[in-house]
Amino acid sequence: MRVKFRIALYNREGKRLNKEEFIKSPSALYRGMRYITEFKYLEATKWLMLAQDSKEKYLLLGLLSIALGQEDEGFEFLREASKHPPATHYKIAVEKPEENLRVFIERTEASLPDFLLSL
């Protein structure tokens, strides 16, 4: 499946997370994050929909939707993200490896990266 960009998760120290970081957690949010690290975006979406409301849930659902070509739904999820408190301390980034581009999404209220808006 082709996606418009990749989503990556990083810890506070800037280390990229992989599936081993999330494999033991029974939480739906962490399972969704695990599938994001494996680039299984449809499976990640399913688990994130089951997760408790949080900023990360809606931010990731928004980015996943946009990456999969469902921009309207994606921007709706991103608007919802600003209404909820964060549940983790992870950093979320969008990447376009072919263009050597990585942008961390700090605040959903702030403007999104230009390449997201031009998709």
PDB file of N, CA and C in Angstrom:
ATOM      1  N   MET A   1       0.837  -1.162   0.000  1.00  0.00           N
ATOM      2  CA  MET A   1       0.000   0.000   0.000  1.00  0.00           C
ATOM      3  C   MET A   1       0.895   1.243   0.000  1.00  0.00           C
ATOM      4  N   ARG A   2       0.558   2.199  -0.860  1.00  0.00           N
ATOM      5  CA  ARG A   2       1.319   3.451  -0.921  1.00  0.00           C
ATOM      6  C   ARG A   2       0.767   4.459   0.072  1.00  0.00           C
ATOM      7  N   VAL A   3       1.665   5.111   0.745  1.00  0.00           N
ATOM      8  CA  VAL A   3       1.278   6.177   1.655  1.00  0.00           C
ATOM      9  C   VAL A   3       1.984   7.463   1.215  1.00  0.00           C
ATOM     10  N   LYS A   4       1.431   8.588   1.615  1.00  0.00           N
ATOM     11  CA  LYS A   4       1.990   9.879   1.215  1.00  0.00           C
ATOM     12  C   LYS A   4       3.221  10.246   2.023  1.00  0.00           C
ATOM     13  N   PHE A   5       3.312   9.711   3.227  1.00  0.00           N
ATOM     14  CA  PHE A   5       4.467   9.938   4.092  1.00  0.00           C
ATOM     15  C   PHE A   5       4.466   8.866   5.166  1.00  0.00           C
ATOM     16  N   ARG A   6       5.566   8.777   5.892  1.00  0.00           N
ATOM     17  CA  ARG A   6       5.674   7.833   7.003  1.00  0.00           C
ATOM     18  C   ARG A   6       5.477   8.558   8.322  1.00  0.00           C
ATOM     19  N   ILE A   7       5.046   7.789   9.307  1.00  0.00           N
ATOM     20  CA  ILE A   7       4.902   8.316  10.656  1.00  0.00           C
ATOM     21  C   ILE A   7       5.913   7.588  11.531  1.00  0.00           C
ATOM     22  N   ALA A   8       6.650   8.348  12.329  1.00  0.00           N
ATOM     23  CA  ALA A   8       7.658   7.748  13.202  1.00  0.00           C
ATOM     24  C   ALA A   8       7.438   8.245  14.632  1.00  0.00           C
ATOM     25  N   LEU A   9       7.816   7.411  15.573  1.00  0.00           N
ATOM     26  CA  LEU A   9       7.694   7.737  16.996  1.00  0.00           C
ATOM     27  C   LEU A   9       9.086   7.774  17.621  1.00  0.00           C
ATOM     28  N   TYR A  10       9.317   8.782  18.471  1.00  0.00           N
ATOM     29  CA  TYR A  10      10.606   8.968  19.122  1.00  0.00           C
ATOM     30  C   TYR A  10      10.389   9.176  20.615  1.00  0.00           C
ATOM     31  N   ASN A  11      11.381   8.766  21.419  1.00  0.00           N
ATOM     32  CA  ASN A  11      11.297   9.041  22.852  1.00  0.00           C
ATOM     33  C   ASN A  11      11.852  10.437  23.128  1.00  0.00           C
ATOM     34  N   ARG A  12      11.859  10.834  24.388  1.00  0.00           N
ATOM     35  CA  ARG A  12      12.316  12.185  24.750  1.00  0.00           C
ATOM     36  C   ARG A  12      13.754  12.455  24.345  1.00  0.00           C
ATOM     37  N   GLU A  13      14.573  11.425  24.379  1.00  0.00           N
ATOM     38  CA  GLU A  13      15.989  11.586  24.043  1.00  0.00           C
ATOM     39  C   GLU A  13      16.238  11.621  22.549  1.00  0.00           C
ATOM     40  N   GLY A  14      15.222  11.414  21.740  1.00  0.00           N
ATOM     41  CA  GLY A  14      15.373  11.454  20.295  1.00  0.00           C
ATOM     42  C   GLY A  14      15.646  10.112  19.645  1.00  0.00           C
ATOM     43  N   LYS A  15      15.529   9.017  20.405  1.00  0.00           N
ATOM     44  CA  LYS A  15      15.747   7.681  19.847  1.00  0.00           C
ATOM     45  C   LYS A  15      14.459   7.207  19.165  1.00  0.00           C
ATOM     46  N   ARG A  16      14.603   6.737  17.937  1.00  0.00           N
ATOM     47  CA  ARG A  16      13.450   6.216  17.201  1.00  0.00           C
ATOM     48  C   ARG A  16      12.971   4.928  17.866  1.00  0.00           C
ATOM     49  N   LEU A  17      11.666   4.830  18.084  1.00  0.00           N
ATOM     50  CA  LEU A  17      11.097   3.662  18.745  1.00  0.00           C
ATOM     51  C   LEU A  17      10.771   2.573  17.734  1.00  0.00           C
ATOM     52  N   ASN A  18      10.862   1.329  18.190  1.00  0.00           N
ATOM     53  CA  ASN A  18      10.491   0.203  17.333  1.00  0.00           C
ATOM     54  C   ASN A  18       9.463  -0.656  18.053  1.00  0.00           C
ATOM     55  N   LYS A  19       9.032  -1.717  17.406  1.00  0.00           N
ATOM     56  CA  LYS A  19       7.917  -2.497  17.958  1.00  0.00           C
ATOM     57  C   LYS A  19       8.232  -3.113  19.314  1.00  0.00           C
ATOM     58  N   GLU A  20       9.497  -3.402  19.608  1.00  0.00           N
ATOM     59  CA  GLU A  20       9.850  -4.007  20.896  1.00  0.00           C
ATOM     60  C   GLU A  20       9.489  -3.098  22.074  1.00  0.00           C
ATOM     61  N   GLU A  21       9.454  -1.793  21.841  1.00  0.00           N
ATOM     62  CA  GLU A  21       9.112  -0.849  22.903  1.00  0.00           C
ATOM     63  C   GLU A  21       7.651  -1.010  23.349  1.00  0.00           C
ATOM     64  N   PHE A  22       6.802  -1.519  22.460  1.00  0.00           N
ATOM     65  CA  PHE A  22       5.363  -1.560  22.716  1.00  0.00           C
ATOM     66  C   PHE A  22       4.789  -2.966  22.823  1.00  0.00           C
ATOM     67  N   ILE A  23       5.578  -3.977  22.559  1.00  0.00           N
ATOM     68  CA  ILE A  23       5.060  -5.333  22.379  1.00  0.00           C
ATOM     69  C   ILE A  23       4.402  -5.913  23.624  1.00  0.00           C
ATOM     70  N   LYS A  24       4.819  -5.502  24.816  1.00  0.00           N
ATOM     71  CA  LYS A  24       4.285  -6.107  26.039  1.00  0.00           C
ATOM     72  C   LYS A  24       3.074  -5.380  26.604  1.00  0.00           C
ATOM     73  N   SER A  25       2.741  -4.239  26.070  1.00  0.00           N
ATOM     74  CA  SER A  25       1.641  -3.456  26.621  1.00  0.00           C
ATOM     75  C   SER A  25       0.294  -3.904  26.050  1.00  0.00           C
ATOM     76  N   PRO A  26      -0.692  -4.132  26.915  1.00  0.00           N
ATOM     77  CA  PRO A  26      -2.018  -4.534  26.431  1.00  0.00           C
ATOM     78  C   PRO A  26      -2.888  -3.340  26.010  1.00  0.00           C
ATOM     79  N   SER A  27      -2.408  -2.113  26.229  1.00  0.00           N
ATOM     80  CA  SER A  27      -3.177  -0.916  25.919  1.00  0.00           C
ATOM     81  C   SER A  27      -3.418  -0.792  24.408  1.00  0.00           C
ATOM     82  N   ALA A  28      -4.629  -0.412  24.032  1.00  0.00           N
ATOM     83  CA  ALA A  28      -4.958  -0.238  22.612  1.00  0.00           C
ATOM     84  C   ALA A  28      -4.117   0.881  21.993  1.00  0.00           C
ATOM     85  N   LEU A  29      -3.832   1.941  22.753  1.00  0.00           N
ATOM     86  CA  LEU A  29      -3.005   3.032  22.237  1.00  0.00           C
ATOM     87  C   LEU A  29      -1.613   2.529  21.889  1.00  0.00           C
ATOM     88  N   TYR A  30      -1.010   1.765  22.800  1.00  0.00           N
ATOM     89  CA  TYR A  30       0.339   1.259  22.545  1.00  0.00           C
ATOM     90  C   TYR A  30       0.353   0.202  21.443  1.00  0.00           C
ATOM     91  N   ARG A  31      -0.694  -0.569  21.320  1.00  0.00           N
ATOM     92  CA  ARG A  31      -0.755  -1.513  20.198  1.00  0.00           C
ATOM     93  C   ARG A  31      -0.830  -0.761  18.876  1.00  0.00           C
ATOM     94  N   GLY A  32      -1.623   0.304  18.849  1.00  0.00           N
ATOM     95  CA  GLY A  32      -1.682   1.126  17.647  1.00  0.00           C
ATOM     96  C   GLY A  32      -0.325   1.713  17.310  1.00  0.00           C
ATOM     97  N   MET A  33       0.390   2.183  18.331  1.00  0.00           N
ATOM     98  CA  MET A  33       1.724   2.727  18.113  1.00  0.00           C
ATOM     99  C   MET A  33       2.677   1.652  17.608  1.00  0.00           C
ATOM    100  N   ARG A  34       2.534   0.451  18.144  1.00  0.00           N
ATOM    101  CA  ARG A  34       3.381  -0.651  17.680  1.00  0.00           C
ATOM    102  C   ARG A  34       3.179  -0.894  16.194  1.00  0.00           C
ATOM    103  N   TYR A  35       1.933  -0.921  15.742  1.00  0.00           N
ATOM    104  CA  TYR A  35       1.674  -1.165  14.331  1.00  0.00           C
ATOM    105  C   TYR A  35       2.153  -0.003  13.459  1.00  0.00           C
ATOM    106  N   ILE A  36       2.181   1.202  14.004  1.00  0.00           N
ATOM    107  CA  ILE A  36       2.751   2.317  13.247  1.00  0.00           C
ATOM    108  C   ILE A  36       4.238   2.083  13.027  1.00  0.00           C
ATOM    109  N   THR A  37       4.950   1.598  14.052  1.00  0.00           N
ATOM    110  CA  THR A  37       6.383   1.343  13.895  1.00  0.00           C
ATOM    111  C   THR A  37       6.649   0.228  12.899  1.00  0.00           C
ATOM    112  N   GLU A  38       5.661  -0.636  12.683  1.00  0.00           N
ATOM    113  CA  GLU A  38       5.790  -1.725  11.707  1.00  0.00           C
ATOM    114  C   GLU A  38       5.247  -1.324  10.334  1.00  0.00           C
ATOM    115  N   PHE A  39       4.787  -0.071  10.188  1.00  0.00           N
ATOM    116  CA  PHE A  39       4.204   0.457   8.951  1.00  0.00           C
ATOM    117  C   PHE A  39       2.945  -0.304   8.533  1.00  0.00           C
ATOM    118  N   LYS A  40       2.207  -0.807   9.509  1.00  0.00           N
ATOM    119  CA  LYS A  40       0.926  -1.473   9.265  1.00  0.00           C
ATOM    120  C   LYS A  40      -0.171  -0.480   9.653  1.00  0.00           C
ATOM    121  N   TYR A  41      -0.405   0.474   8.775  1.00  0.00           N
ATOM    122  CA  TYR A  41      -1.243   1.615   9.110  1.00  0.00           C
ATOM    123  C   TYR A  41      -2.716   1.281   9.271  1.00  0.00           C
ATOM    124  N   LEU A  42      -3.236   0.357   8.500  1.00  0.00           N
ATOM    125  CA  LEU A  42      -4.650  -0.008   8.668  1.00  0.00           C
ATOM    126  C   LEU A  42      -4.878  -0.707  10.007  1.00  0.00           C
ATOM    127  N   GLU A  43      -3.984  -1.586  10.383  1.00  0.00           N
ATOM    128  CA  GLU A  43      -4.082  -2.265  11.684  1.00  0.00           C
ATOM    129  C   GLU A  43      -3.922  -1.253  12.822  1.00  0.00           C
ATOM    130  N   ALA A  44      -3.016  -0.302  12.644  1.00  0.00           N
ATOM    131  CA  ALA A  44      -2.822   0.739  13.657  1.00  0.00           C
ATOM    132  C   ALA A  44      -4.091   1.555  13.842  1.00  0.00           C
ATOM    133  N   THR A  45      -4.764   1.879  12.745  1.00  0.00           N
ATOM    134  CA  THR A  45      -5.999   2.652  12.813  1.00  0.00           C
ATOM    135  C   THR A  45      -7.050   1.919  13.630  1.00  0.00           C
ATOM    136  N   LYS A  46      -7.167   0.621  13.419  1.00  0.00           N
ATOM    137  CA  LYS A  46      -8.151  -0.173  14.166  1.00  0.00           C
ATOM    138  C   LYS A  46      -7.896  -0.082  15.667  1.00  0.00           C
ATOM    139  N   TRP A  47      -6.654  -0.252  16.084  1.00  0.00           N
ATOM    140  CA  TRP A  47      -6.342  -0.233  17.514  1.00  0.00           C
ATOM    141  C   TRP A  47      -6.475   1.161  18.103  1.00  0.00           C
ATOM    142  N   LEU A  48      -6.105   2.167  17.344  1.00  0.00           N
ATOM    143  CA  LEU A  48      -6.241   3.533  17.851  1.00  0.00           C
ATOM    144  C   LEU A  48      -7.702   3.923  18.031  1.00  0.00           C
ATOM    145  N   MET A  49      -8.578   3.427  17.184  1.00  0.00           N
ATOM    146  CA  MET A  49     -10.004   3.718  17.344  1.00  0.00           C
ATOM    147  C   MET A  49     -10.534   3.126  18.648  1.00  0.00           C
ATOM    148  N   LEU A  50      -9.931   2.057  19.116  1.00  0.00           N
ATOM    149  CA  LEU A  50     -10.339   1.417  20.367  1.00  0.00           C
ATOM    150  C   LEU A  50      -9.715   2.061  21.603  1.00  0.00           C
ATOM    151  N   ALA A  51      -8.695   2.876  21.405  1.00  0.00           N
ATOM    152  CA  ALA A  51      -7.958   3.470  22.525  1.00  0.00           C
ATOM    153  C   ALA A  51      -8.778   4.554  23.220  1.00  0.00           C
ATOM    154  N   GLN A  52      -8.418   4.817  24.474  1.00  0.00           N
ATOM    155  CA  GLN A  52      -9.042   5.898  25.229  1.00  0.00           C
ATOM    156  C   GLN A  52      -8.664   7.232  24.588  1.00  0.00           C
ATOM    157  N   ASP A  53      -9.542   8.217  24.742  1.00  0.00           N
ATOM    158  CA  ASP A  53      -9.285   9.530  24.161  1.00  0.00           C
ATOM    159  C   ASP A  53      -8.003  10.130  24.718  1.00  0.00           C
ATOM    160  N   SER A  54      -7.169  10.627  23.818  1.00  0.00           N
ATOM    161  CA  SER A  54      -5.948  11.330  24.194  1.00  0.00           C
ATOM    162  C   SER A  54      -5.476  12.131  22.988  1.00  0.00           C
ATOM    163  N   LYS A  55      -4.570  13.040  23.250  1.00  0.00           N
ATOM    164  CA  LYS A  55      -4.012  13.840  22.172  1.00  0.00           C
ATOM    165  C   LYS A  55      -3.327  12.937  21.138  1.00  0.00           C
ATOM    166  N   GLU A  56      -2.563  11.957  21.618  1.00  0.00           N
ATOM    167  CA  GLU A  56      -1.830  11.066  20.715  1.00  0.00           C
ATOM    168  C   GLU A  56      -2.783  10.253  19.843  1.00  0.00           C
ATOM    169  N   LYS A  57      -3.868   9.772  20.428  1.00  0.00           N
ATOM    170  CA  LYS A  57      -4.831   8.975  19.668  1.00  0.00           C
ATOM    171  C   LYS A  57      -5.311   9.757  18.451  1.00  0.00           C
ATOM    172  N   TYR A  58      -5.797  10.960  18.677  1.00  0.00           N
ATOM    173  CA  TYR A  58      -6.370  11.724  17.579  1.00  0.00           C
ATOM    174  C   TYR A  58      -5.309  12.280  16.635  1.00  0.00           C
ATOM    175  N   LEU A  59      -4.149  12.625  17.168  1.00  0.00           N
ATOM    176  CA  LEU A  59      -3.062  13.086  16.306  1.00  0.00           C
ATOM    177  C   LEU A  59      -2.626  11.971  15.363  1.00  0.00           C
ATOM    178  N   LEU A  60      -2.432  10.768  15.914  1.00  0.00           N
ATOM    179  CA  LEU A  60      -2.021   9.637  15.071  1.00  0.00           C
ATOM    180  C   LEU A  60      -3.115   9.243  14.085  1.00  0.00           C
ATOM    181  N   LEU A  61      -4.372   9.234  14.525  1.00  0.00           N
ATOM    182  CA  LEU A  61      -5.463   8.918  13.602  1.00  0.00           C
ATOM    183  C   LEU A  61      -5.523   9.941  12.470  1.00  0.00           C
ATOM    184  N   GLY A  62      -5.301  11.205  12.799  1.00  0.00           N
ATOM    185  CA  GLY A  62      -5.295  12.233  11.771  1.00  0.00           C
ATOM    186  C   GLY A  62      -4.168  12.048  10.779  1.00  0.00           C
ATOM    187  N   LEU A  63      -2.974  11.812  11.279  1.00  0.00           N
ATOM    188  CA  LEU A  63      -1.831  11.612  10.388  1.00  0.00           C
ATOM    189  C   LEU A  63      -1.986  10.345   9.554  1.00  0.00           C
ATOM    190  N   LEU A  64      -2.496   9.277  10.167  1.00  0.00           N
ATOM    191  CA  LEU A  64      -2.720   8.040   9.412  1.00  0.00           C
ATOM    192  C   LEU A  64      -3.730   8.264   8.286  1.00  0.00           C
ATOM    193  N   SER A  65      -4.805   8.959   8.584  1.00  0.00           N
ATOM    194  CA  SER A  65      -5.824   9.213   7.571  1.00  0.00           C
ATOM    195  C   SER A  65      -5.255  10.024   6.410  1.00  0.00           C
ATOM    196  N   ILE A  66      -4.493  11.070   6.726  1.00  0.00           N
ATOM    197  CA  ILE A  66      -3.899  11.883   5.664  1.00  0.00           C
ATOM    198  C   ILE A  66      -2.902  11.065   4.853  1.00  0.00           C
ATOM    199  N   ALA A  67      -2.077  10.265   5.530  1.00  0.00           N
ATOM    200  CA  ALA A  67      -1.092   9.428   4.831  1.00  0.00           C
ATOM    201  C   ALA A  67      -1.764   8.438   3.888  1.00  0.00           C
ATOM    202  N   LEU A  68      -2.963   7.974   4.268  1.00  0.00           N
ATOM    203  CA  LEU A  68      -3.687   7.005   3.446  1.00  0.00           C
ATOM    204  C   LEU A  68      -4.604   7.666   2.416  1.00  0.00           C
ATOM    205  N   GLY A  69      -4.583   8.989   2.346  1.00  0.00           N
ATOM    206  CA  GLY A  69      -5.346   9.693   1.326  1.00  0.00           C
ATOM    207  C   GLY A  69      -6.733  10.147   1.738  1.00  0.00           C
ATOM    208  N   GLN A  70      -7.039  10.111   3.014  1.00  0.00           N
ATOM    209  CA  GLN A  70      -8.352  10.542   3.507  1.00  0.00           C
ATOM    210  C   GLN A  70      -8.177  11.863   4.256  1.00  0.00           C
ATOM    211  N   GLU A  71      -7.911  12.925   3.480  1.00  0.00           N
ATOM    212  CA  GLU A  71      -7.545  14.211   4.073  1.00  0.00           C
ATOM    213  C   GLU A  71      -8.651  14.815   4.936  1.00  0.00           C
ATOM    214  N   ASP A  72      -9.890  14.800   4.476  1.00  0.00           N
ATOM    215  CA  ASP A  72     -10.972  15.420   5.249  1.00  0.00           C
ATOM    216  C   ASP A  72     -11.098  14.803   6.634  1.00  0.00           C
ATOM    217  N   GLU A  73     -11.099  13.478   6.701  1.00  0.00           N
ATOM    218  CA  GLU A  73     -11.179  12.792   7.983  1.00  0.00           C
ATOM    219  C   GLU A  73      -9.937  13.083   8.823  1.00  0.00           C
ATOM    220  N   GLY A  74      -8.800  13.130   8.163  1.00  0.00           N
ATOM    221  CA  GLY A  74      -7.546  13.378   8.867  1.00  0.00           C
ATOM    222  C   GLY A  74      -7.521  14.727   9.556  1.00  0.00           C
ATOM    223  N   PHE A  75      -7.959  15.769   8.858  1.00  0.00           N
ATOM    224  CA  PHE A  75      -7.951  17.096   9.466  1.00  0.00           C
ATOM    225  C   PHE A  75      -8.985  17.207  10.576  1.00  0.00           C
ATOM    226  N   GLU A  76     -10.074  16.456  10.465  1.00  0.00           N
ATOM    227  CA  GLU A  76     -11.065  16.434  11.552  1.00  0.00           C
ATOM    228  C   GLU A  76     -10.462  15.806  12.818  1.00  0.00           C
ATOM    229  N   PHE A  77      -9.726  14.705  12.655  1.00  0.00           N
ATOM    230  CA  PHE A  77      -9.047  14.075  13.794  1.00  0.00           C
ATOM    231  C   PHE A  77      -8.007  15.033  14.394  1.00  0.00           C
ATOM    232  N   LEU A  78      -7.279  15.757  13.556  1.00  0.00           N
ATOM    233  CA  LEU A  78      -6.270  16.689  14.065  1.00  0.00           C
ATOM    234  C   LEU A  78      -6.908  17.812  14.870  1.00  0.00           C
ATOM    235  N   ARG A  79      -8.054  18.295  14.449  1.00  0.00           N
ATOM    236  CA  ARG A  79      -8.760  19.317  15.238  1.00  0.00           C
ATOM    237  C   ARG A  79      -9.192  18.751  16.592  1.00  0.00           C
ATOM    238  N   GLU A  80      -9.617  17.504  16.600  1.00  0.00           N
ATOM    239  CA  GLU A  80     -10.055  16.857  17.843  1.00  0.00           C
ATOM    240  C   GLU A  80      -8.878  16.661  18.805  1.00  0.00           C
ATOM    241  N   ALA A  81      -7.680  16.467  18.285  1.00  0.00           N
ATOM    242  CA  ALA A  81      -6.498  16.202  19.120  1.00  0.00           C
ATOM    243  C   ALA A  81      -6.231  17.333  20.105  1.00  0.00           C
ATOM    244  N   SER A  82      -6.493  18.555  19.701  1.00  0.00           N
ATOM    245  CA  SER A  82      -6.189  19.688  20.585  1.00  0.00           C
ATOM    246  C   SER A  82      -7.132  19.767  21.784  1.00  0.00           C
ATOM    247  N   LYS A  83      -8.207  18.992  21.788  1.00  0.00           N
ATOM    248  CA  LYS A  83      -9.188  19.014  22.876  1.00  0.00           C
ATOM    249  C   LYS A  83      -8.855  18.040  24.008  1.00  0.00           C
ATOM    250  N   HIS A  84      -7.810  17.239  23.828  1.00  0.00           N
ATOM    251  CA  HIS A  84      -7.513  16.178  24.793  1.00  0.00           C
ATOM    252  C   HIS A  84      -6.094  16.321  25.347  1.00  0.00           C
ATOM    253  N   PRO A  85      -5.892  15.886  26.583  1.00  0.00           N
ATOM    254  CA  PRO A  85      -4.539  15.942  27.166  1.00  0.00           C
ATOM    255  C   PRO A  85      -3.673  14.797  26.627  1.00  0.00           C
ATOM    256  N   PRO A  86      -2.358  15.000  26.635  1.00  0.00           N
ATOM    257  CA  PRO A  86      -1.468  13.921  26.176  1.00  0.00           C
ATOM    258  C   PRO A  86      -1.462  12.744  27.155  1.00  0.00           C
ATOM    259  N   ALA A  87      -1.243  11.560  26.626  1.00  0.00           N
ATOM    260  CA  ALA A  87      -1.197  10.349  27.450  1.00  0.00           C
ATOM    261  C   ALA A  87       0.211   9.764  27.529  1.00  0.00           C
ATOM    262  N   THR A  88       1.119  10.224  26.684  1.00  0.00           N
ATOM    263  CA  THR A  88       2.491   9.710  26.665  1.00  0.00           C
ATOM    264  C   THR A  88       3.463  10.876  26.562  1.00  0.00           C
ATOM    265  N   HIS A  89       4.736  10.568  26.598  1.00  0.00           N
ATOM    266  CA  HIS A  89       5.776  11.573  26.432  1.00  0.00           C
ATOM    267  C   HIS A  89       6.506  11.409  25.098  1.00  0.00           C
ATOM    268  N   TYR A  90       5.954  10.614  24.185  1.00  0.00           N
ATOM    269  CA  TYR A  90       6.608  10.354  22.903  1.00  0.00           C
ATOM    270  C   TYR A  90       6.456  11.526  21.947  1.00  0.00           C
ATOM    271  N   LYS A  91       7.426  11.652  21.057  1.00  0.00           N
ATOM    272  CA  LYS A  91       7.379  12.648  19.994  1.00  0.00           C
ATOM    273  C   LYS A  91       6.919  11.946  18.717  1.00  0.00           C
ATOM    274  N   ILE A  92       6.098  12.644  17.957  1.00  0.00           N
ATOM    275  CA  ILE A  92       5.570  12.090  16.716  1.00  0.00           C
ATOM    276  C   ILE A  92       6.139  12.894  15.561  1.00  0.00           C
ATOM    277  N   ALA A  93       6.638  12.198  14.546  1.00  0.00           N
ATOM    278  CA  ALA A  93       7.220  12.866  13.385  1.00  0.00           C
ATOM    279  C   ALA A  93       6.610  12.308  12.110  1.00  0.00           C
ATOM    280  N   VAL A  94       6.560  13.154  11.099  1.00  0.00           N
ATOM    281  CA  VAL A  94       6.207  12.694   9.761  1.00  0.00           C
ATOM    282  C   VAL A  94       7.474  12.775   8.927  1.00  0.00           C
ATOM    283  N   GLU A  95       7.660  11.775   8.073  1.00  0.00           N
ATOM    284  CA  GLU A  95       8.896  11.676   7.301  1.00  0.00           C
ATOM    285  C   GLU A  95       8.598  11.383   5.839  1.00  0.00           C
ATOM    286  N   LYS A  96       9.405  11.986   4.984  1.00  0.00           N
ATOM    287  CA  LYS A  96       9.421  11.644   3.564  1.00  0.00           C
ATOM    288  C   LYS A  96      10.867  11.272   3.243  1.00  0.00           C
ATOM    289  N   PRO A  97      11.205   9.992   3.387  1.00  0.00           N
ATOM    290  CA  PRO A  97      12.602   9.583   3.232  1.00  0.00           C
ATOM    291  C   PRO A  97      13.188   9.917   1.863  1.00  0.00           C
ATOM    292  N   GLU A  98      12.368   9.840   0.818  1.00  0.00           N
ATOM    293  CA  GLU A  98      12.887  10.109  -0.526  1.00  0.00           C
ATOM    294  C   GLU A  98      13.310  11.573  -0.694  1.00  0.00           C
ATOM    295  N   GLU A  99      12.798  12.454   0.158  1.00  0.00           N
ATOM    296  CA  GLU A  99      13.174  13.864   0.121  1.00  0.00           C
ATOM    297  C   GLU A  99      14.058  14.234   1.312  1.00  0.00           C
ATOM    298  N   ASN A 100      14.445  13.235   2.112  1.00  0.00           N
ATOM    299  CA  ASN A 100      15.268  13.449   3.299  1.00  0.00           C
ATOM    300  C   ASN A 100      14.647  14.511   4.208  1.00  0.00           C
ATOM    301  N   LEU A 101      13.345  14.331   4.493  1.00  0.00           N
ATOM    302  CA  LEU A 101      12.575  15.305   5.247  1.00  0.00           C
ATOM    303  C   LEU A 101      11.958  14.653   6.477  1.00  0.00           C
ATOM    304  N   ARG A 102      12.119  15.305   7.635  1.00  0.00           N
ATOM    305  CA  ARG A 102      11.495  14.847   8.884  1.00  0.00           C
ATOM    306  C   ARG A 102      11.007  16.081   9.638  1.00  0.00           C
ATOM    307  N   VAL A 103       9.735  16.049  10.025  1.00  0.00           N
ATOM    308  CA  VAL A 103       9.152  17.160  10.765  1.00  0.00           C
ATOM    309  C   VAL A 103       8.455  16.595  11.996  1.00  0.00           C
ATOM    310  N   PHE A 104       8.806  17.115  13.169  1.00  0.00           N
ATOM    311  CA  PHE A 104       8.138  16.709  14.398  1.00  0.00           C
ATOM    312  C   PHE A 104       6.867  17.532  14.562  1.00  0.00           C
ATOM    313  N   ILE A 105       5.785  16.864  14.923  1.00  0.00           N
ATOM    314  CA  ILE A 105       4.515  17.531  15.153  1.00  0.00           C
ATOM    315  C   ILE A 105       4.460  17.868  16.639  1.00  0.00           C
ATOM    316  N   GLU A 106       4.670  19.121  16.947  1.00  0.00           N
ATOM    317  CA  GLU A 106       4.715  19.558  18.344  1.00  0.00           C
ATOM    318  C   GLU A 106       3.330  19.895  18.872  1.00  0.00           C
ATOM    319  N   ARG A 107       2.607  20.729  18.133  1.00  0.00           N
ATOM    320  CA  ARG A 107       1.285  21.178  18.566  1.00  0.00           C
ATOM    321  C   ARG A 107       0.336  21.096  17.381  1.00  0.00           C
ATOM    322  N   THR A 108      -0.836  20.557  17.616  1.00  0.00           N
ATOM    323  CA  THR A 108      -1.804  20.455  16.526  1.00  0.00           C
ATOM    324  C   THR A 108      -2.439  21.802  16.221  1.00  0.00           C
ATOM    325  N   GLU A 109      -2.396  22.747  17.168  1.00  0.00           N
ATOM    326  CA  GLU A 109      -2.969  24.060  16.930  1.00  0.00           C
ATOM    327  C   GLU A 109      -2.095  24.855  15.965  1.00  0.00           C
ATOM    328  N   ALA A 110      -0.813  24.558  15.954  1.00  0.00           N
ATOM    329  CA  ALA A 110       0.108  25.277  15.083  1.00  0.00           C
ATOM    330  C   ALA A 110      -0.099  24.815  13.645  1.00  0.00           C
ATOM    331  N   SER A 111       0.473  25.537  12.734  1.00  0.00           N
ATOM    332  CA  SER A 111       0.300  25.168  11.332  1.00  0.00           C
ATOM    333  C   SER A 111       1.026  23.856  11.060  1.00  0.00           C
ATOM    334  N   LEU A 112       0.428  23.069  10.214  1.00  0.00           N
ATOM    335  CA  LEU A 112       1.025  21.797   9.835  1.00  0.00           C
ATOM    336  C   LEU A 112       2.127  22.038   8.815  1.00  0.00           C
ATOM    337  N   PRO A 113       3.042  21.084   8.680  1.00  0.00           N
ATOM    338  CA  PRO A 113       4.101  21.245   7.689  1.00  0.00           C
ATOM    339  C   PRO A 113       3.504  21.475   6.302  1.00  0.00           C
ATOM    340  N   ASP A 114       4.172  22.318   5.526  1.00  0.00           N
ATOM    341  CA  ASP A 114       3.676  22.670   4.194  1.00  0.00           C
ATOM    342  C   ASP A 114       3.419  21.457   3.323  1.00  0.00           C
ATOM    343  N   PHE A 115       4.301  20.445   3.406  1.00  0.00           N
ATOM    344  CA  PHE A 115       4.104  19.305   2.518  1.00  0.00           C
ATOM    345  C   PHE A 115       2.842  18.502   2.876  1.00  0.00           C
ATOM    346  N   LEU A 116       2.385  18.581   4.126  1.00  0.00           N
ATOM    347  CA  LEU A 116       1.112  17.935   4.484  1.00  0.00           C
ATOM    348  C   LEU A 116      -0.065  18.666   3.856  1.00  0.00           C
ATOM    349  N   LEU A 117       0.000  19.976   3.844  1.00  0.00           N
ATOM    350  CA  LEU A 117      -1.097  20.768   3.314  1.00  0.00           C
ATOM    351  C   LEU A 117      -1.159  20.721   1.798  1.00  0.00           C
ATOM    352  N   SER A 118      -0.052  20.397   1.141  1.00  0.00           N
ATOM    353  CA  SER A 118      -0.026  20.390  -0.315  1.00  0.00           C
ATOM    354  C   SER A 118      -0.276  19.021  -0.923  1.00  0.00           C
ATOM    355  N   LEU A 119      -0.604  18.024  -0.121  1.00  0.00           N
ATOM    356  CA  LEU A 119      -0.835  16.676  -0.627  1.00  0.00           C
ATOM    357  C   LEU A 119      -2.148  16.564  -1.356  1.00  0.00           C
TER     358      LEU A 119
END
